[in-house]
Every structure is written in C-alpha cells, then in structure tokens.
C-alpha cells in the first residue's frame, strides 16, 4: 500500500526521538551556558514560540505583530480584553485558544 506523501516543509513528529532530543537539547544548553533549549522537533519544524506579556490593546498597536501568528494562546487574565481588534495579530484562519477558569482550584488555608 502506498504511503501518503508528506506535504513539503513538514515533519513527522513521531520520527523524532523525544529522549534523544531532550538530551541533545540539554547538552547544547550546557555547552552554550543556556538553561533552556528547543526540542529537535520544534527546530526541524521551524516552530518559534513568542511569550508576550502586557495588555492586548498595546500589542495590537505594534506593527511588528501584524498578521504574525499562526496560533495564539490567551490567558485567563486577557479574557476581558478579547475583541475583534486582536484579529490583526493573527494570520488568516489562525487558531486562537483561550484559557478558562473552569478547572482552576483556589488554594487557601482553611
């Protein structure tokens, strides 16, 4: 049976050995005096992670973020700021996920 052809510029993450990638990432970080590194699967797939903070209204104003993101994950704190205006941050058909408070646990001494 013919295997399905992979589209160009794709990677099968099942082919990436997670343990080997973790060890390689750790050794690379140690040799470069870094405490963190990306897994090989992320590097091979050309995945870039941007951790942004601040108000969404301020991010929308910055031209360098216009139509930059393929996927967005918004925190509970940003839920009040979600509006149609933030769509300028994302590419066409981008997926945006929003964290909810459904499963948050309040930890208090009682």
N, C-alpha and C. Protein backbone atom coordinates (compact mmCIF):
# COMPACT_ATOMS: atom_id res chain seq x y z
N UNK A 1 0.84 -1.19 0.00
CA UNK A 1 0.00 0.00 0.00
C UNK A 1 0.88 1.24 0.00
N UNK A 2 0.54 2.20 -0.84
CA UNK A 2 1.32 3.44 -0.91
C UNK A 2 1.17 4.24 0.38
N UNK A 3 2.30 4.73 0.86
CA UNK A 3 2.24 5.65 1.99
C UNK A 3 1.81 7.01 1.47
N UNK A 4 1.08 7.73 2.29
CA UNK A 4 0.67 9.07 1.90
C UNK A 4 1.89 9.96 1.81
N UNK A 5 1.94 10.77 0.77
CA UNK A 5 3.06 11.68 0.62
C UNK A 5 2.91 12.83 1.60
N UNK A 6 4.02 13.17 2.25
CA UNK A 6 4.00 14.31 3.16
C UNK A 6 4.12 15.59 2.34
N UNK A 7 3.35 16.60 2.69
CA UNK A 7 3.50 17.88 2.01
C UNK A 7 4.92 18.42 2.24
N UNK A 8 5.42 19.27 1.33
CA UNK A 8 6.76 19.82 1.53
C UNK A 8 6.81 20.67 2.80
N UNK A 9 7.99 20.74 3.38
CA UNK A 9 8.22 21.54 4.59
C UNK A 9 7.43 21.04 5.79
N UNK A 10 7.23 19.73 5.87
CA UNK A 10 6.55 19.17 7.03
C UNK A 10 7.48 18.19 7.71
N UNK A 11 7.15 17.85 8.93
CA UNK A 11 7.94 16.89 9.68
C UNK A 11 6.98 15.97 10.41
N UNK A 12 7.33 14.70 10.45
CA UNK A 12 6.55 13.73 11.20
C UNK A 12 7.13 13.66 12.60
N UNK A 13 6.42 14.23 13.57
CA UNK A 13 6.94 14.29 14.94
C UNK A 13 7.12 12.91 15.55
N UNK A 14 6.47 11.88 14.98
CA UNK A 14 6.67 10.53 15.51
C UNK A 14 8.06 10.01 15.17
N UNK A 15 8.73 10.66 14.19
CA UNK A 15 10.08 10.26 13.83
C UNK A 15 11.14 10.87 14.74
N UNK A 16 10.76 11.81 15.58
CA UNK A 16 11.70 12.48 16.47
C UNK A 16 11.75 11.73 17.78
N UNK A 17 12.94 11.30 18.17
CA UNK A 17 13.12 10.60 19.43
C UNK A 17 13.16 11.64 20.55
N UNK A 18 12.11 11.69 21.37
CA UNK A 18 11.97 12.72 22.39
C UNK A 18 13.11 12.67 23.40
N UNK A 19 13.50 11.48 23.83
CA UNK A 19 14.56 11.36 24.84
C UNK A 19 15.89 11.84 24.27
N UNK A 20 16.19 11.43 23.05
CA UNK A 20 17.43 11.85 22.39
C UNK A 20 17.43 13.37 22.21
N UNK A 21 16.29 13.92 21.80
CA UNK A 21 16.18 15.36 21.60
C UNK A 21 16.35 16.11 22.92
N UNK A 22 15.79 15.56 24.00
CA UNK A 22 15.91 16.20 25.31
C UNK A 22 17.37 16.22 25.75
N UNK A 23 18.05 15.09 25.60
CA UNK A 23 19.46 15.01 25.99
C UNK A 23 20.32 15.93 25.15
N UNK A 24 20.06 15.96 23.83
CA UNK A 24 20.83 16.82 22.94
C UNK A 24 20.59 18.29 23.28
N UNK A 25 19.33 18.62 23.56
CA UNK A 25 18.99 19.99 23.92
C UNK A 25 19.68 20.39 25.21
N UNK A 26 19.70 19.47 26.19
CA UNK A 26 20.34 19.75 27.48
C UNK A 26 21.85 19.93 27.31
N UNK A 27 22.47 19.07 26.48
CA UNK A 27 23.92 19.19 26.28
C UNK A 27 24.26 20.47 25.51
N UNK A 28 23.42 20.83 24.54
CA UNK A 28 23.64 22.07 23.80
C UNK A 28 23.50 23.27 24.72
N UNK A 29 22.48 23.24 25.58
CA UNK A 29 22.27 24.34 26.51
C UNK A 29 23.43 24.45 27.48
N UNK A 30 23.92 23.31 27.96
CA UNK A 30 25.04 23.31 28.90
C UNK A 30 26.30 23.86 28.23
N UNK A 31 26.53 23.46 26.97
CA UNK A 31 27.73 23.91 26.28
C UNK A 31 27.65 25.39 25.93
N UNK A 32 26.47 25.92 25.78
CA UNK A 32 26.31 27.33 25.44
C UNK A 32 25.93 28.16 26.66
N UNK A 33 26.04 27.57 27.85
CA UNK A 33 25.69 28.23 29.10
C UNK A 33 24.25 28.75 29.10
N UNK A 34 23.37 27.98 28.50
CA UNK A 34 21.95 28.32 28.49
C UNK A 34 21.23 27.34 29.39
N UNK A 35 20.13 27.77 29.96
CA UNK A 35 19.37 26.88 30.82
C UNK A 35 18.19 26.24 30.08
N UNK A 36 17.91 26.71 28.86
CA UNK A 36 16.77 26.20 28.12
C UNK A 36 17.13 25.97 26.67
N UNK A 37 16.35 25.11 26.01
CA UNK A 37 16.56 24.87 24.59
C UNK A 37 15.30 24.30 23.98
N UNK A 38 15.22 24.32 22.67
CA UNK A 38 14.08 23.77 21.95
C UNK A 38 14.32 22.31 21.61
N UNK A 39 13.27 21.54 21.60
CA UNK A 39 13.37 20.16 21.16
C UNK A 39 13.66 20.13 19.66
N UNK A 40 14.32 19.07 19.22
CA UNK A 40 14.66 18.95 17.80
C UNK A 40 13.43 19.04 16.90
N UNK A 41 12.31 18.47 17.33
CA UNK A 41 11.09 18.52 16.54
C UNK A 41 10.65 19.95 16.27
N UNK A 42 10.80 20.82 17.26
CA UNK A 42 10.46 22.23 17.08
C UNK A 42 11.43 22.90 16.12
N UNK A 43 12.70 22.56 16.25
CA UNK A 43 13.71 23.15 15.37
C UNK A 43 13.49 22.70 13.93
N UNK A 44 13.26 21.39 13.74
CA UNK A 44 13.07 20.86 12.39
C UNK A 44 11.79 21.39 11.76
N UNK A 45 10.77 21.61 12.53
CA UNK A 45 9.50 22.12 12.00
C UNK A 45 9.49 23.64 11.91
N UNK A 46 10.59 24.27 12.30
CA UNK A 46 10.73 25.73 12.26
C UNK A 46 9.63 26.41 13.10
N UNK A 47 9.41 25.88 14.28
CA UNK A 47 8.41 26.44 15.20
C UNK A 47 9.10 27.46 16.09
N UNK A 48 8.52 28.63 16.16
CA UNK A 48 9.05 29.68 17.03
C UNK A 48 7.99 30.00 18.06
N UNK A 49 8.40 30.11 19.30
CA UNK A 49 7.48 30.40 20.39
C UNK A 49 7.78 31.81 20.90
N UNK A 50 6.76 32.65 20.94
CA UNK A 50 6.90 34.01 21.43
C UNK A 50 6.06 34.12 22.71
N UNK A 51 6.70 34.39 23.81
CA UNK A 51 5.99 34.61 25.06
C UNK A 51 5.84 36.12 25.23
N UNK A 52 4.62 36.58 25.18
CA UNK A 52 4.36 38.01 25.23
C UNK A 52 3.62 38.35 26.51
N UNK A 53 3.90 39.50 27.05
CA UNK A 53 3.18 39.97 28.22
C UNK A 53 2.71 41.39 27.94
N UNK A 54 1.89 41.86 28.79
CA UNK A 54 1.36 43.21 28.60
C UNK A 54 -0.09 43.14 28.14
N UNK A 55 -0.64 44.29 27.92
CA UNK A 55 -2.04 44.37 27.52
C UNK A 55 -2.19 44.11 26.03
N UNK A 56 -3.26 43.39 25.69
CA UNK A 56 -3.52 43.09 24.28
C UNK A 56 -3.69 44.36 23.45
N UNK A 57 -4.28 45.38 24.05
CA UNK A 57 -4.50 46.64 23.33
C UNK A 57 -3.18 47.23 22.85
N UNK A 58 -2.12 47.07 23.64
CA UNK A 58 -0.80 47.60 23.27
C UNK A 58 -0.16 46.75 22.17
N UNK A 59 -0.37 45.42 22.22
CA UNK A 59 0.18 44.54 21.20
C UNK A 59 -0.44 44.80 19.83
N UNK A 60 -1.72 45.10 19.83
CA UNK A 60 -2.45 45.36 18.58
C UNK A 60 -1.87 46.58 17.87
N UNK A 61 -1.38 47.54 18.63
CA UNK A 61 -0.85 48.78 18.06
C UNK A 61 0.51 48.59 17.40
N UNK A 62 1.24 47.53 17.75
CA UNK A 62 2.59 47.34 17.23
C UNK A 62 2.55 46.68 15.85
N UNK A 63 3.16 47.35 14.88
CA UNK A 63 3.15 46.85 13.50
C UNK A 63 3.91 45.54 13.34
N UNK A 64 4.92 45.31 14.17
CA UNK A 64 5.72 44.09 14.00
C UNK A 64 4.93 42.83 14.33
N UNK A 65 3.81 42.95 15.01
CA UNK A 65 2.99 41.79 15.35
C UNK A 65 1.81 41.59 14.39
N UNK A 66 1.63 42.48 13.42
CA UNK A 66 0.51 42.38 12.49
C UNK A 66 0.60 41.11 11.66
N UNK A 67 -0.43 40.28 11.72
CA UNK A 67 -0.55 39.04 10.94
C UNK A 67 0.68 38.14 11.09
N UNK A 68 1.24 38.09 12.30
CA UNK A 68 2.45 37.32 12.55
C UNK A 68 2.16 35.90 13.01
N UNK A 69 1.11 35.70 13.77
CA UNK A 69 0.92 34.43 14.49
C UNK A 69 -0.03 33.46 13.78
N UNK A 70 0.38 32.18 13.75
CA UNK A 70 -0.45 31.11 13.22
C UNK A 70 -1.38 30.56 14.29
N UNK A 71 -0.93 30.61 15.54
CA UNK A 71 -1.68 30.09 16.68
C UNK A 71 -1.51 31.06 17.84
N UNK A 72 -2.55 31.26 18.61
CA UNK A 72 -2.46 32.10 19.79
C UNK A 72 -3.07 31.39 20.98
N UNK A 73 -2.45 31.54 22.12
CA UNK A 73 -2.99 31.00 23.37
C UNK A 73 -3.08 32.17 24.34
N UNK A 74 -4.29 32.50 24.71
CA UNK A 74 -4.53 33.65 25.58
C UNK A 74 -4.83 33.18 27.00
N UNK A 75 -4.33 33.92 27.96
CA UNK A 75 -4.52 33.55 29.36
C UNK A 75 -5.88 34.02 29.88
N UNK A 76 -6.21 33.55 31.06
CA UNK A 76 -7.46 33.96 31.71
C UNK A 76 -7.46 35.47 31.92
N UNK A 77 -6.31 36.03 32.28
CA UNK A 77 -6.23 37.47 32.53
C UNK A 77 -6.53 38.30 31.29
N UNK A 78 -6.28 37.76 30.11
CA UNK A 78 -6.53 38.52 28.88
C UNK A 78 -7.97 38.38 28.39
N UNK A 79 -8.76 37.55 29.03
CA UNK A 79 -10.12 37.28 28.57
C UNK A 79 -10.97 38.54 28.49
N UNK A 80 -10.76 39.48 29.40
CA UNK A 80 -11.55 40.72 29.38
C UNK A 80 -11.19 41.61 28.20
N UNK A 81 -10.02 41.41 27.63
CA UNK A 81 -9.55 42.27 26.54
C UNK A 81 -9.80 41.68 25.16
N UNK A 82 -10.37 40.50 25.09
CA UNK A 82 -10.58 39.86 23.80
C UNK A 82 -11.68 40.60 23.04
N UNK A 83 -11.33 41.02 21.83
CA UNK A 83 -12.29 41.70 20.97
C UNK A 83 -11.89 41.41 19.52
N UNK A 84 -12.69 41.90 18.62
CA UNK A 84 -12.41 41.69 17.20
C UNK A 84 -11.10 42.38 16.79
N UNK A 85 -10.70 43.39 17.54
CA UNK A 85 -9.48 44.15 17.22
C UNK A 85 -8.22 43.29 17.26
N UNK A 86 -8.20 42.25 18.10
CA UNK A 86 -6.98 41.45 18.22
C UNK A 86 -6.75 40.54 17.01
N UNK A 87 -7.73 40.46 16.12
CA UNK A 87 -7.57 39.60 14.94
C UNK A 87 -6.43 40.06 14.04
N UNK A 88 -6.00 41.32 14.16
CA UNK A 88 -4.89 41.81 13.34
C UNK A 88 -3.57 41.14 13.73
N UNK A 89 -3.51 40.52 14.88
CA UNK A 89 -2.29 39.85 15.32
C UNK A 89 -2.09 38.52 14.62
N UNK A 90 -3.17 37.92 14.11
CA UNK A 90 -3.13 36.55 13.62
C UNK A 90 -3.29 36.47 12.10
N UNK A 91 -2.67 35.43 11.55
CA UNK A 91 -2.80 35.16 10.12
C UNK A 91 -4.23 34.70 9.83
N UNK A 92 -4.59 34.69 8.56
CA UNK A 92 -5.90 34.22 8.14
C UNK A 92 -6.07 32.75 8.55
N UNK A 93 -7.19 32.39 9.10
CA UNK A 93 -7.52 31.04 9.54
C UNK A 93 -6.68 30.57 10.74
N UNK A 94 -6.07 31.48 11.48
CA UNK A 94 -5.28 31.10 12.66
C UNK A 94 -6.21 30.61 13.76
N UNK A 95 -5.70 29.71 14.56
CA UNK A 95 -6.46 29.20 15.70
C UNK A 95 -6.05 29.97 16.95
N UNK A 96 -7.03 30.36 17.73
CA UNK A 96 -6.76 31.09 18.96
C UNK A 96 -7.46 30.35 20.09
N UNK A 97 -6.68 29.99 21.09
CA UNK A 97 -7.20 29.27 22.25
C UNK A 97 -7.19 30.21 23.45
N UNK A 98 -8.20 30.11 24.26
CA UNK A 98 -8.28 30.94 25.46
C UNK A 98 -8.42 30.05 26.68
N UNK A 99 -7.53 30.25 27.61
CA UNK A 99 -7.57 29.52 28.87
C UNK A 99 -8.84 29.92 29.63
N UNK A 100 -9.46 28.97 30.27
CA UNK A 100 -10.66 29.28 31.05
C UNK A 100 -10.41 28.97 32.52
N UNK A 101 -11.30 29.44 33.35
CA UNK A 101 -11.16 29.22 34.79
C UNK A 101 -11.97 28.01 35.24
N UNK A 102 -12.46 27.19 34.31
CA UNK A 102 -13.31 26.06 34.66
C UNK A 102 -12.67 25.10 35.66
N UNK A 103 -11.39 24.85 35.50
CA UNK A 103 -10.73 23.86 36.34
C UNK A 103 -9.70 24.46 37.29
N UNK A 104 -9.79 25.74 37.54
CA UNK A 104 -8.87 26.37 38.47
C UNK A 104 -9.27 26.03 39.90
N UNK A 105 -8.28 25.83 40.71
CA UNK A 105 -8.51 25.47 42.10
C UNK A 105 -8.01 26.61 42.97
N UNK A 106 -8.82 27.03 43.91
CA UNK A 106 -8.42 28.08 44.84
C UNK A 106 -7.70 27.42 46.01
N UNK A 107 -6.50 27.83 46.25
CA UNK A 107 -5.71 27.26 47.34
C UNK A 107 -5.63 28.27 48.48
N UNK A 108 -6.39 28.01 49.54
CA UNK A 108 -6.38 28.88 50.70
C UNK A 108 -6.24 28.01 51.94
N UNK A 109 -5.63 28.58 52.95
CA UNK A 109 -5.56 27.88 54.24
C UNK A 109 -6.94 28.01 54.90
N UNK A 110 -7.62 26.90 55.06
CA UNK A 110 -8.92 26.90 55.73
C UNK A 110 -9.11 25.63 56.49
